[in-house]
All heavy atoms as atom14 arrays in JSON, in Angstrom:
{
  "sequence": "LFLDGDDFWSDSHFLKQIASELTIELVDVIIFGYSYYYDNE",
  "atom14_mask": [
    [1, 1, 1, 1, 1, 1, 1, 1, 0, 0, 0, 0, 0, 0],
    [1, 1, 1, 1, 1, 1, 1, 1, 1, 1, 1, 0, 0, 0],
    [1, 1, 1, 1, 1, 1, 1, 1, 0, 0, 0, 0, 0, 0],
    [1, 1, 1, 1, 1, 1, 1, 1, 0, 0, 0, 0, 0, 0],
    [1, 1, 1, 1, 0, 0, 0, 0, 0, 0, 0, 0, 0, 0],
    [1, 1, 1, 1, 1, 1, 1, 1, 0, 0, 0, 0, 0, 0],
    [1, 1, 1, 1, 1, 1, 1, 1, 0, 0, 0, 0, 0, 0],
    [1, 1, 1, 1, 1, 1, 1, 1, 1, 1, 1, 0, 0, 0],
    [1, 1, 1, 1, 1, 1, 1, 1, 1, 1, 1, 1, 1, 1],
    [1, 1, 1, 1, 1, 1, 0, 0, 0, 0, 0, 0, 0, 0],
    [1, 1, 1, 1, 1, 1, 1, 1, 0, 0, 0, 0, 0, 0],
    [1, 1, 1, 1, 1, 1, 0, 0, 0, 0, 0, 0, 0, 0],
    [1, 1, 1, 1, 1, 1, 1, 1, 1, 1, 0, 0, 0, 0],
    [1, 1, 1, 1, 1, 1, 1, 1, 1, 1, 1, 0, 0, 0],
    [1, 1, 1, 1, 1, 1, 1, 1, 0, 0, 0, 0, 0, 0],
    [1, 1, 1, 1, 1, 1, 1, 1, 1, 0, 0, 0, 0, 0],
    [1, 1, 1, 1, 1, 1, 1, 1, 1, 0, 0, 0, 0, 0],
    [1, 1, 1, 1, 1, 1, 1, 1, 0, 0, 0, 0, 0, 0],
    [1, 1, 1, 1, 1, 0, 0, 0, 0, 0, 0, 0, 0, 0],
    [1, 1, 1, 1, 1, 1, 0, 0, 0, 0, 0, 0, 0, 0],
    [1, 1, 1, 1, 1, 1, 1, 1, 1, 0, 0, 0, 0, 0],
    [1, 1, 1, 1, 1, 1, 1, 1, 0, 0, 0, 0, 0, 0],
    [1, 1, 1, 1, 1, 1, 1, 0, 0, 0, 0, 0, 0, 0],
    [1, 1, 1, 1, 1, 1, 1, 1, 0, 0, 0, 0, 0, 0],
    [1, 1, 1, 1, 1, 1, 1, 1, 1, 0, 0, 0, 0, 0],
    [1, 1, 1, 1, 1, 1, 1, 1, 0, 0, 0, 0, 0, 0],
    [1, 1, 1, 1, 1, 1, 1, 0, 0, 0, 0, 0, 0, 0],
    [1, 1, 1, 1, 1, 1, 1, 1, 0, 0, 0, 0, 0, 0],
    [1, 1, 1, 1, 1, 1, 1, 0, 0, 0, 0, 0, 0, 0],
    [1, 1, 1, 1, 1, 1, 1, 1, 0, 0, 0, 0, 0, 0],
    [1, 1, 1, 1, 1, 1, 1, 1, 0, 0, 0, 0, 0, 0],
    [1, 1, 1, 1, 1, 1, 1, 1, 1, 1, 1, 0, 0, 0],
    [1, 1, 1, 1, 0, 0, 0, 0, 0, 0, 0, 0, 0, 0],
    [1, 1, 1, 1, 1, 1, 1, 1, 1, 1, 1, 1, 0, 0],
    [1, 1, 1, 1, 1, 1, 0, 0, 0, 0, 0, 0, 0, 0],
    [1, 1, 1, 1, 1, 1, 1, 1, 1, 1, 1, 1, 0, 0],
    [1, 1, 1, 1, 1, 1, 1, 1, 1, 1, 1, 1, 0, 0],
    [1, 1, 1, 1, 1, 1, 1, 1, 1, 1, 1, 1, 0, 0],
    [1, 1, 1, 1, 1, 1, 1, 1, 0, 0, 0, 0, 0, 0],
    [1, 1, 1, 1, 1, 1, 1, 1, 0, 0, 0, 0, 0, 0],
    [1, 1, 1, 1, 1, 1, 1, 1, 1, 0, 0, 0, 0, 0]
  ],
  "atom14_positions": [
    [[0.84, -1.18, 0.0], [0.0, 0.0, 0.0], [0.88, 1.24, 0.0], [1.96, 1.24, 0.6], [-0.89, 0.04, 1.24], [-2.19, -0.76, 1.22], [-2.74, -0.9, 2.63], [-3.22, -0.09, 0.32], [0.0, 0.0, 0.0], [0.0, 0.0, 0.0], [0.0, 0.0, 0.0], [0.0, 0.0, 0.0], [0.0, 0.0, 0.0], [0.0, 0.0, 0.0]],
    [[0.42, 2.3, -0.65], [1.14, 3.57, -0.64], [0.34, 4.6, 0.15], [-0.89, 4.63, 0.08], [1.38, 4.07, -2.06], [2.26, 3.18, -2.87], [1.72, 2.27, -3.77], [3.64, 3.22, -2.71], [2.53, 1.43, -4.51], [4.46, 2.37, -3.44], [3.91, 1.48, -4.35], [0.0, 0.0, 0.0], [0.0, 0.0, 0.0], [0.0, 0.0, 0.0]],
    [[1.05, 5.43, 0.88], [0.43, 6.5, 1.66], [1.34, 7.71, 1.54], [2.52, 7.65, 1.91], [0.29, 6.06, 3.13], [-0.25, 7.07, 4.14], [-1.66, 7.51, 3.77], [-0.23, 6.46, 5.55], [0.0, 0.0, 0.0], [0.0, 0.0, 0.0], [0.0, 0.0, 0.0], [0.0, 0.0, 0.0], [0.0, 0.0, 0.0], [0.0, 0.0, 0.0]],
    [[0.83, 8.81, 1.02], [1.65, 10.01, 0.89], [1.96, 10.6, 2.27], [1.15, 10.49, 3.19], [0.95, 11.05, 0.02], [1.09, 10.75, -1.47], [1.79, 9.78, -1.82], [0.5, 11.49, -2.28], [0.0, 0.0, 0.0], [0.0, 0.0, 0.0], [0.0, 0.0, 0.0], [0.0, 0.0, 0.0], [0.0, 0.0, 0.0], [0.0, 0.0, 0.0]],
    [[3.1, 11.23, 2.38], [3.58, 11.7, 3.68], [2.78, 12.81, 4.31], [3.01, 13.15, 5.47], [0.0, 0.0, 0.0], [0.0, 0.0, 0.0], [0.0, 0.0, 0.0], [0.0, 0.0, 0.0], [0.0, 0.0, 0.0], [0.0, 0.0, 0.0], [0.0, 0.0, 0.0], [0.0, 0.0, 0.0], [0.0, 0.0, 0.0], [0.0, 0.0, 0.0]],
    [[1.84, 13.41, 3.58], [0.98, 14.43, 4.16], [-0.49, 14.02, 4.15], [-1.38, 14.85, 4.32], [1.15, 15.78, 3.46], [0.97, 15.69, 1.95], [0.76, 14.58, 1.43], [1.05, 16.74, 1.28], [0.0, 0.0, 0.0], [0.0, 0.0, 0.0], [0.0, 0.0, 0.0], [0.0, 0.0, 0.0], [0.0, 0.0, 0.0], [0.0, 0.0, 0.0]],
    [[-0.75, 12.73, 3.97], [-2.1, 12.18, 4.06], [-2.17, 11.24, 5.26], [-1.17, 11.03, 5.95], [-2.48, 11.42, 2.79], [-2.55, 12.32, 1.57], [-2.7, 13.54, 1.75], [-2.44, 11.81, 0.44], [0.0, 0.0, 0.0], [0.0, 0.0, 0.0], [0.0, 0.0, 0.0], [0.0, 0.0, 0.0], [0.0, 0.0, 0.0], [0.0, 0.0, 0.0]],
    [[-3.33, 10.64, 5.51], [-3.44, 9.69, 6.62], [-4.66, 8.79, 6.42], [-5.49, 9.05, 5.55], [-3.52, 10.42, 7.96], [-4.75, 11.27, 8.15], [-5.87, 10.78, 8.81], [-4.79, 12.57, 7.68], [-7.0, 11.56, 8.99], [-5.92, 13.37, 7.86], [-7.03, 12.86, 8.51], [0.0, 0.0, 0.0], [0.0, 0.0, 0.0], [0.0, 0.0, 0.0]],
    [[-4.72, 7.73, 7.22], [-5.9, 6.87, 7.25], [-6.76, 7.29, 8.43], [-6.29, 7.38, 9.56], [-5.5, 5.42, 7.39], [-4.76, 4.9, 6.19], [-4.85, 5.34, 4.9], [-3.82, 3.83, 6.17], [-4.02, 4.62, 4.08], [-3.38, 3.68, 4.83], [-3.3, 2.98, 7.14], [-2.45, 2.72, 4.45], [-2.38, 2.02, 6.77], [-1.96, 1.89, 5.44]],
    [[-8.03, 7.55, 8.18], [-8.9, 8.13, 9.2], [-9.58, 7.11, 10.09], [-10.26, 7.47, 11.04], [-9.97, 9.01, 8.53], [-10.79, 8.24, 7.67], [0.0, 0.0, 0.0], [0.0, 0.0, 0.0], [0.0, 0.0, 0.0], [0.0, 0.0, 0.0], [0.0, 0.0, 0.0], [0.0, 0.0, 0.0], [0.0, 0.0, 0.0], [0.0, 0.0, 0.0]],
    [[-9.38, 5.82, 9.82], [-10.03, 4.78, 10.61], [-8.98, 3.73, 11.0], [-8.2, 3.29, 10.16], [-11.15, 4.12, 9.8], [-12.01, 3.19, 10.64], [-11.5, 2.12, 11.03], [-13.17, 3.53, 10.9], [0.0, 0.0, 0.0], [0.0, 0.0, 0.0], [0.0, 0.0, 0.0], [0.0, 0.0, 0.0], [0.0, 0.0, 0.0], [0.0, 0.0, 0.0]],
    [[-8.99, 3.33, 12.27], [-7.99, 2.38, 12.76], [-8.22, 0.96, 12.27], [-7.4, 0.08, 12.51], [-7.97, 2.39, 14.3], [-9.22, 1.98, 14.81], [0.0, 0.0, 0.0], [0.0, 0.0, 0.0], [0.0, 0.0, 0.0], [0.0, 0.0, 0.0], [0.0, 0.0, 0.0], [0.0, 0.0, 0.0], [0.0, 0.0, 0.0], [0.0, 0.0, 0.0]],
    [[-9.33, 0.72, 11.58], [-9.62, -0.61, 11.05], [-9.44, -0.7, 9.54], [-9.87, -1.68, 8.92], [-11.05, -1.03, 11.43], [-11.29, -1.08, 12.91], [-10.6, -1.92, 13.74], [-12.13, -0.35, 13.7], [-11.01, -1.74, 14.99], [-11.93, -0.79, 14.98], [0.0, 0.0, 0.0], [0.0, 0.0, 0.0], [0.0, 0.0, 0.0], [0.0, 0.0, 0.0]],
    [[-8.81, 0.3, 8.96], [-8.66, 0.31, 7.5], [-7.86, -0.9, 7.0], [-8.29, -1.6, 6.07], [-7.98, 1.61, 7.05], [-7.66, 1.64, 5.58], [-8.68, 1.64, 4.63], [-6.34, 1.66, 5.13], [-8.39, 1.66, 3.28], [-6.05, 1.68, 3.78], [-7.08, 1.68, 2.85], [0.0, 0.0, 0.0], [0.0, 0.0, 0.0], [0.0, 0.0, 0.0]],
    [[-6.71, -1.17, 7.6], [-5.92, -2.33, 7.17], [-6.68, -3.63, 7.41], [-6.53, -4.59, 6.63], [-4.58, -2.38, 7.91], [-3.47, -1.45, 7.42], [-2.19, -1.74, 8.18], [-3.24, -1.61, 5.92], [0.0, 0.0, 0.0], [0.0, 0.0, 0.0], [0.0, 0.0, 0.0], [0.0, 0.0, 0.0], [0.0, 0.0, 0.0], [0.0, 0.0, 0.0]],
    [[-7.48, -3.69, 8.45], [-8.28, -4.89, 8.71], [-9.28, -5.1, 7.58], [-9.55, -6.26, 7.19], [-9.01, -4.74, 10.05], [-9.69, -6.01, 10.52], [-8.66, -7.08, 10.88], [-9.3, -8.33, 11.43], [-8.31, -9.37, 11.72], [0.0, 0.0, 0.0], [0.0, 0.0, 0.0], [0.0, 0.0, 0.0], [0.0, 0.0, 0.0], [0.0, 0.0, 0.0]],
    [[-9.83, -4.02, 7.03], [-10.74, -4.15, 5.89], [-10.01, -4.76, 4.7], [-10.56, -5.62, 4.0], [-11.28, -2.77, 5.51], [-12.3, -2.19, 6.46], [-12.79, -0.84, 5.98], [-12.18, 0.19, 6.23], [-13.89, -0.84, 5.26], [0.0, 0.0, 0.0], [0.0, 0.0, 0.0], [0.0, 0.0, 0.0], [0.0, 0.0, 0.0], [0.0, 0.0, 0.0]],
    [[-8.81, -4.29, 4.46], [-8.01, -4.82, 3.35], [-7.74, -6.31, 3.57], [-7.94, -7.15, 2.67], [-6.69, -4.06, 3.21], [-6.94, -2.58, 2.87], [-5.79, -4.72, 2.16], [-7.48, -2.33, 1.5], [0.0, 0.0, 0.0], [0.0, 0.0, 0.0], [0.0, 0.0, 0.0], [0.0, 0.0, 0.0], [0.0, 0.0, 0.0], [0.0, 0.0, 0.0]],
    [[-7.29, -6.65, 4.78], [-6.96, -8.04, 5.09], [-8.2, -8.94, 5.0], [-8.12, -10.08, 4.52], [-6.34, -8.13, 6.48], [0.0, 0.0, 0.0], [0.0, 0.0, 0.0], [0.0, 0.0, 0.0], [0.0, 0.0, 0.0], [0.0, 0.0, 0.0], [0.0, 0.0, 0.0], [0.0, 0.0, 0.0], [0.0, 0.0, 0.0], [0.0, 0.0, 0.0]],
    [[-9.33, -8.42, 5.43], [-10.57, -9.21, 5.37], [-10.97, -9.49, 3.94], [-11.46, -10.57, 3.61], [-11.69, -8.47, 6.1], [-11.41, -8.36, 7.48], [0.0, 0.0, 0.0], [0.0, 0.0, 0.0], [0.0, 0.0, 0.0], [0.0, 0.0, 0.0], [0.0, 0.0, 0.0], [0.0, 0.0, 0.0], [0.0, 0.0, 0.0], [0.0, 0.0, 0.0]],
    [[-10.76, -8.51, 3.07], [-11.07, -8.71, 1.65], [-10.24, -9.83, 1.06], [-10.71, -10.62, 0.24], [-10.83, -7.4, 0.89], [-11.25, -7.42, -0.56], [-12.76, -7.4, -0.75], [-13.49, -7.16, 0.23], [-13.21, -7.65, -1.89], [0.0, 0.0, 0.0], [0.0, 0.0, 0.0], [0.0, 0.0, 0.0], [0.0, 0.0, 0.0], [0.0, 0.0, 0.0]],
    [[-9.0, -9.94, 1.52], [-8.1, -10.98, 1.01], [-8.46, -12.37, 1.52], [-8.04, -13.37, 0.94], [-6.65, -10.65, 1.36], [-6.08, -9.41, 0.66], [-4.72, -9.05, 1.21], [-6.0, -9.63, -0.85], [0.0, 0.0, 0.0], [0.0, 0.0, 0.0], [0.0, 0.0, 0.0], [0.0, 0.0, 0.0], [0.0, 0.0, 0.0], [0.0, 0.0, 0.0]],
    [[-9.21, -12.44, 2.6], [-9.67, -13.76, 3.06], [-10.8, -14.28, 2.19], [-11.08, -15.47, 2.16], [-10.15, -13.7, 4.53], [-11.29, -12.84, 4.63], [-9.05, -13.18, 5.44], [0.0, 0.0, 0.0], [0.0, 0.0, 0.0], [0.0, 0.0, 0.0], [0.0, 0.0, 0.0], [0.0, 0.0, 0.0], [0.0, 0.0, 0.0], [0.0, 0.0, 0.0]],
    [[-11.45, -13.37, 1.45], [-12.5, -13.77, 0.52], [-11.91, -14.28, -0.78], [-12.3, -15.32, -1.3], [-13.45, -12.58, 0.25], [-14.1, -12.1, 1.55], [-14.5, -12.95, -0.79], [-14.89, -10.82, 1.41], [0.0, 0.0, 0.0], [0.0, 0.0, 0.0], [0.0, 0.0, 0.0], [0.0, 0.0, 0.0], [0.0, 0.0, 0.0], [0.0, 0.0, 0.0]],
    [[-10.92, -13.54, -1.28], [-10.26, -13.93, -2.53], [-8.9, -13.27, -2.6], [-8.76, -12.07, -2.34], [-11.09, -13.52, -3.75], [-10.48, -13.95, -5.07], [-11.29, -13.5, -6.26], [-12.3, -12.79, -6.06], [-10.91, -13.84, -7.39], [0.0, 0.0, 0.0], [0.0, 0.0, 0.0], [0.0, 0.0, 0.0], [0.0, 0.0, 0.0], [0.0, 0.0, 0.0]],
    [[-7.88, -14.05, -2.96], [-6.52, -13.51, -3.09], [-6.36, -12.86, -4.46], [-5.87, -13.47, -5.41], [-5.48, -14.62, -2.89], [-5.26, -15.09, -1.47], [-4.23, -16.22, -1.44], [-4.8, -13.94, -0.58], [0.0, 0.0, 0.0], [0.0, 0.0, 0.0], [0.0, 0.0, 0.0], [0.0, 0.0, 0.0], [0.0, 0.0, 0.0], [0.0, 0.0, 0.0]],
    [[-6.78, -11.62, -4.55], [-6.71, -10.9, -5.82], [-5.36, -10.21, -5.97], [-4.6, -10.07, -5.01], [-7.85, -9.86, -5.9], [-9.2, -10.56, -5.95], [-7.79, -8.89, -4.73], [0.0, 0.0, 0.0], [0.0, 0.0, 0.0], [0.0, 0.0, 0.0], [0.0, 0.0, 0.0], [0.0, 0.0, 0.0], [0.0, 0.0, 0.0], [0.0, 0.0, 0.0]],
    [[-5.08, -9.75, -7.17], [-3.84, -9.01, -7.42], [-3.93, -7.56, -6.98], [-2.92, -6.96, -6.61], [-3.49, -9.04, -8.92], [-3.06, -10.41, -9.4], [-2.45, -11.14, -8.59], [-3.33, -10.75, -10.56], [0.0, 0.0, 0.0], [0.0, 0.0, 0.0], [0.0, 0.0, 0.0], [0.0, 0.0, 0.0], [0.0, 0.0, 0.0], [0.0, 0.0, 0.0]],
    [[-5.14, -7.0, -7.02], [-5.32, -5.58, -6.73], [-6.63, -5.37, -5.96], [-7.65, -5.95, -6.31], [-5.37, -4.72, -8.02], [-5.46, -3.23, -7.68], [-4.17, -4.99, -8.91], [0.0, 0.0, 0.0], [0.0, 0.0, 0.0], [0.0, 0.0, 0.0], [0.0, 0.0, 0.0], [0.0, 0.0, 0.0], [0.0, 0.0, 0.0], [0.0, 0.0, 0.0]],
    [[-6.57, -4.54, -4.93], [-7.77, -4.07, -4.25], [-7.83, -2.55, -4.43], [-6.86, -1.84, -4.15], [-7.76, -4.39, -2.75], [-7.71, -5.91, -2.53], [-8.99, -3.81, -2.06], [-7.56, -6.31, -1.08], [0.0, 0.0, 0.0], [0.0, 0.0, 0.0], [0.0, 0.0, 0.0], [0.0, 0.0, 0.0], [0.0, 0.0, 0.0], [0.0, 0.0, 0.0]],
    [[-8.96, -2.06, -4.9], [-9.14, -0.63, -5.14], [-10.15, -0.09, -4.13], [-11.14, -0.76, -3.83], [-9.65, -0.37, -6.58], [-8.75, -1.07, -7.59], [-9.7, 1.13, -6.87], [-9.31, -1.06, -9.01], [0.0, 0.0, 0.0], [0.0, 0.0, 0.0], [0.0, 0.0, 0.0], [0.0, 0.0, 0.0], [0.0, 0.0, 0.0], [0.0, 0.0, 0.0]],
    [[-9.88, 1.1, -3.6], [-10.78, 1.66, -2.59], [-10.95, 3.17, -2.82], [-10.18, 3.8, -3.54], [-10.25, 1.4, -1.17], [-8.79, 1.68, -0.98], [-8.35, 2.95, -0.62], [-7.85, 0.68, -1.19], [-7.0, 3.21, -0.46], [-6.49, 0.93, -1.03], [-6.07, 2.21, -0.66], [0.0, 0.0, 0.0], [0.0, 0.0, 0.0], [0.0, 0.0, 0.0]],
    [[-11.98, 3.72, -2.19], [-12.26, 5.14, -2.33], [-11.39, 5.99, -1.42], [-10.45, 5.5, -0.78], [0.0, 0.0, 0.0], [0.0, 0.0, 0.0], [0.0, 0.0, 0.0], [0.0, 0.0, 0.0], [0.0, 0.0, 0.0], [0.0, 0.0, 0.0], [0.0, 0.0, 0.0], [0.0, 0.0, 0.0], [0.0, 0.0, 0.0], [0.0, 0.0, 0.0]],
    [[-11.72, 7.25, -1.32], [-10.96, 8.16, -0.46], [-11.83, 9.35, -0.1], [-12.94, 9.53, -0.61], [-9.67, 8.61, -1.17], [-9.88, 9.31, -2.49], [-10.01, 10.69, -2.57], [-9.94, 8.56, -3.67], [-10.2, 11.32, -3.79], [-10.13, 9.19, -4.9], [-10.25, 10.57, -4.95], [-10.46, 11.19, -6.16], [0.0, 0.0, 0.0], [0.0, 0.0, 0.0]],
    [[-11.32, 10.17, 0.8], [-12.0, 11.4, 1.19], [-10.98, 12.53, 1.19], [-9.77, 12.29, 1.23], [-12.67, 11.25, 2.56], [-11.72, 10.86, 3.54], [0.0, 0.0, 0.0], [0.0, 0.0, 0.0], [0.0, 0.0, 0.0], [0.0, 0.0, 0.0], [0.0, 0.0, 0.0], [0.0, 0.0, 0.0], [0.0, 0.0, 0.0], [0.0, 0.0, 0.0]],
    [[-11.46, 13.74, 1.18], [-10.56, 14.9, 1.09], [-11.24, 16.14, 1.66], [-12.46, 16.2, 1.82], [-10.16, 15.13, -0.37], [-11.33, 15.39, -1.3], [-11.76, 16.68, -1.61], [-12.02, 14.31, -1.87], [-12.84, 16.89, -2.46], [-13.1, 14.52, -2.71], [-13.5, 15.81, -3.0], [-14.58, 16.02, -3.82], [0.0, 0.0, 0.0], [0.0, 0.0, 0.0]],
    [[-10.4, 17.11, 1.98], [-10.92, 18.38, 2.49], [-11.19, 19.33, 1.33], [-10.38, 19.46, 0.42], [-9.9, 19.03, 3.43], [-9.79, 18.35, 4.76], [-8.64, 17.66, 5.12], [-10.83, 18.41, 5.69], [-8.52, 17.05, 6.35], [-10.72, 17.79, 6.92], [-9.57, 17.12, 7.25], [-9.46, 16.5, 8.47], [0.0, 0.0, 0.0], [0.0, 0.0, 0.0]],
    [[-12.33, 19.98, 1.39], [-12.67, 20.99, 0.38], [-13.55, 22.05, 1.04], [-14.61, 21.72, 1.59], [-13.4, 20.37, -0.8], [-13.68, 21.34, -1.93], [-12.67, 21.71, -2.82], [-14.94, 21.89, -2.08], [-12.92, 22.61, -3.84], [-15.2, 22.78, -3.11], [-14.19, 23.14, -3.98], [-14.45, 24.03, -4.99], [0.0, 0.0, 0.0], [0.0, 0.0, 0.0]],
    [[-13.11, 23.3, 1.01], [-13.85, 24.4, 1.65], [-14.17, 24.08, 3.1], [-15.3, 24.26, 3.58], [-15.16, 24.7, 0.89], [-14.9, 25.43, -0.43], [-13.79, 25.97, -0.6], [-15.82, 25.47, -1.26], [0.0, 0.0, 0.0], [0.0, 0.0, 0.0], [0.0, 0.0, 0.0], [0.0, 0.0, 0.0], [0.0, 0.0, 0.0], [0.0, 0.0, 0.0]],
    [[-13.14, 23.55, 3.8], [-13.25, 23.24, 5.22], [-14.27, 22.14, 5.53], [-14.73, 22.02, 6.67], [-13.6, 24.5, 6.03], [-12.51, 25.55, 5.96], [-11.32, 25.22, 6.06], [-12.89, 26.8, 5.78], [0.0, 0.0, 0.0], [0.0, 0.0, 0.0], [0.0, 0.0, 0.0], [0.0, 0.0, 0.0], [0.0, 0.0, 0.0], [0.0, 0.0, 0.0]],
    [[-14.63, 21.36, 4.54], [-15.51, 20.22, 4.74], [-14.83, 18.94, 4.24], [-13.96, 18.99, 3.37], [-16.83, 20.41, 3.99], [-17.69, 21.54, 4.51], [-19.03, 21.62, 3.78], [-19.33, 20.67, 3.02], [-19.75, 22.61, 3.96], [0.0, 0.0, 0.0], [0.0, 0.0, 0.0], [0.0, 0.0, 0.0], [0.0, 0.0, 0.0], [0.0, 0.0, 0.0]]
  ]
}
């Protein structure tokens, strides 16, 4: 996984979600969404 040095993961269970997905199927790639700040929201 890549994480830019000025970003972060907002949930302490994020890696667990990734690992749980791999227990369903050992895929080559897992794609996920993201969130961002815009106009203080």
